[in-house]
């Protein structure tokens, strides 16, 4: 009988794919027409257009 034990190898746990985050625009804009978003040191503006579309500008 061989009593030599094999080293135990760690098996990485499977990583679940990240689900996209969904945010309601009304909650994000808080009844306003635009918000400013800071990203990577730059300021962007997310606003609602006259045709009720969203536009993001730098």
N, C-alpha and C. Protein backbone atom coordinates (compact mmCIF):
# COMPACT_ATOMS: atom_id res chain seq x y z
N UNK A 1 0.85 -1.17 0.00
CA UNK A 1 0.00 0.00 0.00
C UNK A 1 0.90 1.24 0.00
N UNK A 2 0.63 2.17 -0.87
CA UNK A 2 1.41 3.39 -0.98
C UNK A 2 0.76 4.47 -0.11
N UNK A 3 1.49 4.93 0.91
CA UNK A 3 0.95 5.95 1.81
C UNK A 3 1.40 7.35 1.44
N UNK A 4 2.09 7.49 0.29
CA UNK A 4 2.54 8.82 -0.15
C UNK A 4 1.34 9.61 -0.65
N UNK A 5 1.16 10.81 -0.10
CA UNK A 5 0.02 11.64 -0.52
C UNK A 5 0.45 12.60 -1.60
N UNK A 6 -0.41 12.81 -2.55
CA UNK A 6 -0.18 13.77 -3.61
C UNK A 6 -0.52 15.16 -3.09
N UNK A 7 0.23 16.20 -3.52
CA UNK A 7 -0.13 17.55 -3.10
C UNK A 7 -1.51 17.94 -3.64
N UNK A 8 -2.23 18.67 -2.84
CA UNK A 8 -3.57 19.11 -3.23
C UNK A 8 -3.44 20.37 -4.08
N UNK A 9 -4.08 20.35 -5.24
CA UNK A 9 -4.06 21.53 -6.11
C UNK A 9 -5.36 22.30 -5.93
N UNK A 10 -5.22 23.60 -5.85
CA UNK A 10 -6.40 24.46 -5.73
C UNK A 10 -7.07 24.56 -7.09
N UNK A 11 -8.37 24.40 -7.11
CA UNK A 11 -9.14 24.54 -8.34
C UNK A 11 -9.88 25.87 -8.25
N UNK A 12 -9.61 26.78 -9.20
CA UNK A 12 -10.27 28.09 -9.13
C UNK A 12 -11.78 27.95 -9.31
N UNK A 13 -12.50 28.73 -8.54
CA UNK A 13 -13.96 28.73 -8.64
C UNK A 13 -14.37 29.37 -9.96
N UNK A 14 -15.42 28.88 -10.59
CA UNK A 14 -15.87 29.51 -11.83
C UNK A 14 -16.33 30.94 -11.57
N UNK A 15 -16.04 31.80 -12.52
CA UNK A 15 -16.42 33.21 -12.39
C UNK A 15 -17.69 33.43 -13.19
N UNK A 16 -18.72 33.90 -12.51
CA UNK A 16 -19.98 34.18 -13.20
C UNK A 16 -19.84 35.45 -14.02
N UNK A 17 -20.41 35.46 -15.21
CA UNK A 17 -20.34 36.69 -16.01
C UNK A 17 -21.10 37.82 -15.32
N UNK A 18 -20.54 39.01 -15.40
CA UNK A 18 -21.18 40.17 -14.77
C UNK A 18 -22.41 40.56 -15.57
N UNK A 19 -23.49 40.78 -14.88
CA UNK A 19 -24.71 41.23 -15.53
C UNK A 19 -24.63 42.73 -15.75
N UNK A 20 -25.15 43.23 -16.86
CA UNK A 20 -25.13 44.68 -17.06
C UNK A 20 -26.01 45.37 -16.03
N UNK A 21 -25.56 46.50 -15.58
CA UNK A 21 -26.32 47.30 -14.62
C UNK A 21 -27.36 48.09 -15.39
N UNK A 22 -28.59 48.04 -14.93
CA UNK A 22 -29.65 48.80 -15.58
C UNK A 22 -30.16 49.86 -14.60
N UNK A 23 -30.17 51.11 -15.04
CA UNK A 23 -30.61 52.23 -14.22
C UNK A 23 -31.72 52.95 -14.97
N UNK A 24 -32.81 53.23 -14.28
CA UNK A 24 -33.89 53.99 -14.89
C UNK A 24 -33.45 55.44 -15.06
N UNK A 25 -33.61 55.99 -16.25
CA UNK A 25 -33.13 57.35 -16.53
C UNK A 25 -33.83 58.39 -15.64
N UNK A 26 -35.07 58.17 -15.31
CA UNK A 26 -35.78 59.13 -14.44
C UNK A 26 -35.16 59.15 -13.05
N UNK A 27 -34.75 57.99 -12.56
CA UNK A 27 -34.09 57.95 -11.25
C UNK A 27 -32.72 58.60 -11.33
N UNK A 28 -32.01 58.37 -12.44
CA UNK A 28 -30.68 58.92 -12.61
C UNK A 28 -30.72 60.45 -12.72
N UNK A 29 -31.66 60.95 -13.49
CA UNK A 29 -31.76 62.40 -13.71
C UNK A 29 -32.54 63.12 -12.61
N UNK A 30 -33.23 62.38 -11.77
CA UNK A 30 -33.99 62.95 -10.63
C UNK A 30 -34.90 64.10 -11.05
N UNK A 31 -35.71 63.86 -12.05
CA UNK A 31 -36.69 64.83 -12.55
C UNK A 31 -36.06 66.02 -13.26
N UNK A 32 -34.75 66.06 -13.40
CA UNK A 32 -34.08 67.13 -14.12
C UNK A 32 -33.93 66.77 -15.60
N UNK A 33 -33.29 67.63 -16.33
CA UNK A 33 -33.08 67.41 -17.76
C UNK A 33 -31.64 67.00 -18.09
N UNK A 34 -30.71 67.17 -17.13
CA UNK A 34 -29.32 66.78 -17.39
C UNK A 34 -28.58 66.53 -16.09
N UNK A 35 -27.50 65.76 -16.22
CA UNK A 35 -26.59 65.53 -15.10
C UNK A 35 -25.17 65.56 -15.64
N UNK A 36 -24.23 65.83 -14.76
CA UNK A 36 -22.82 65.79 -15.12
C UNK A 36 -22.22 64.51 -14.53
N UNK A 37 -21.40 63.85 -15.34
CA UNK A 37 -20.75 62.61 -14.94
C UNK A 37 -19.25 62.81 -15.08
N UNK A 38 -18.52 62.54 -14.01
CA UNK A 38 -17.05 62.62 -14.07
C UNK A 38 -16.50 61.24 -14.36
N UNK A 39 -15.65 61.16 -15.38
CA UNK A 39 -15.03 59.89 -15.75
C UNK A 39 -13.60 60.14 -16.20
N UNK A 40 -12.67 59.49 -15.54
CA UNK A 40 -11.26 59.56 -15.91
C UNK A 40 -10.77 61.01 -15.98
N UNK A 41 -11.22 61.83 -15.02
CA UNK A 41 -10.78 63.21 -14.94
C UNK A 41 -11.49 64.17 -15.90
N UNK A 42 -12.46 63.68 -16.64
CA UNK A 42 -13.21 64.52 -17.57
C UNK A 42 -14.66 64.61 -17.14
N UNK A 43 -15.31 65.72 -17.49
CA UNK A 43 -16.72 65.92 -17.16
C UNK A 43 -17.55 65.71 -18.43
N UNK A 44 -18.56 64.87 -18.32
CA UNK A 44 -19.49 64.61 -19.40
C UNK A 44 -20.88 65.06 -18.96
N UNK A 45 -21.73 65.41 -19.93
CA UNK A 45 -23.10 65.78 -19.62
C UNK A 45 -24.04 64.79 -20.29
N UNK A 46 -24.92 64.21 -19.50
CA UNK A 46 -25.98 63.34 -20.01
C UNK A 46 -27.25 64.16 -19.94
N UNK A 47 -27.92 64.33 -21.09
CA UNK A 47 -29.12 65.16 -21.08
C UNK A 47 -30.20 64.57 -21.97
N UNK A 48 -31.42 65.01 -21.71
CA UNK A 48 -32.58 64.61 -22.50
C UNK A 48 -32.77 65.66 -23.59
N UNK A 49 -32.91 65.21 -24.84
CA UNK A 49 -33.10 66.13 -25.96
C UNK A 49 -34.58 66.51 -26.10
N UNK A 50 -34.85 67.44 -27.01
CA UNK A 50 -36.22 67.83 -27.28
C UNK A 50 -37.08 66.67 -27.80
N UNK A 51 -36.43 65.69 -28.44
CA UNK A 51 -37.14 64.52 -28.96
C UNK A 51 -37.18 63.37 -27.93
N UNK A 52 -36.87 63.70 -26.67
CA UNK A 52 -36.90 62.75 -25.57
C UNK A 52 -35.91 61.60 -25.72
N UNK A 53 -34.76 61.90 -26.32
CA UNK A 53 -33.66 60.94 -26.44
C UNK A 53 -32.57 61.36 -25.47
N UNK A 54 -31.68 60.42 -25.15
CA UNK A 54 -30.54 60.73 -24.29
C UNK A 54 -29.31 60.99 -25.15
N UNK A 55 -28.53 61.98 -24.76
CA UNK A 55 -27.27 62.28 -25.45
C UNK A 55 -26.20 62.53 -24.40
N UNK A 56 -25.01 61.97 -24.64
CA UNK A 56 -23.88 62.14 -23.75
C UNK A 56 -22.82 62.93 -24.50
N UNK A 57 -22.42 64.07 -23.93
CA UNK A 57 -21.41 64.92 -24.57
C UNK A 57 -20.28 65.21 -23.62
N UNK A 58 -19.10 65.46 -24.19
CA UNK A 58 -17.92 65.77 -23.38
C UNK A 58 -17.74 67.27 -23.30
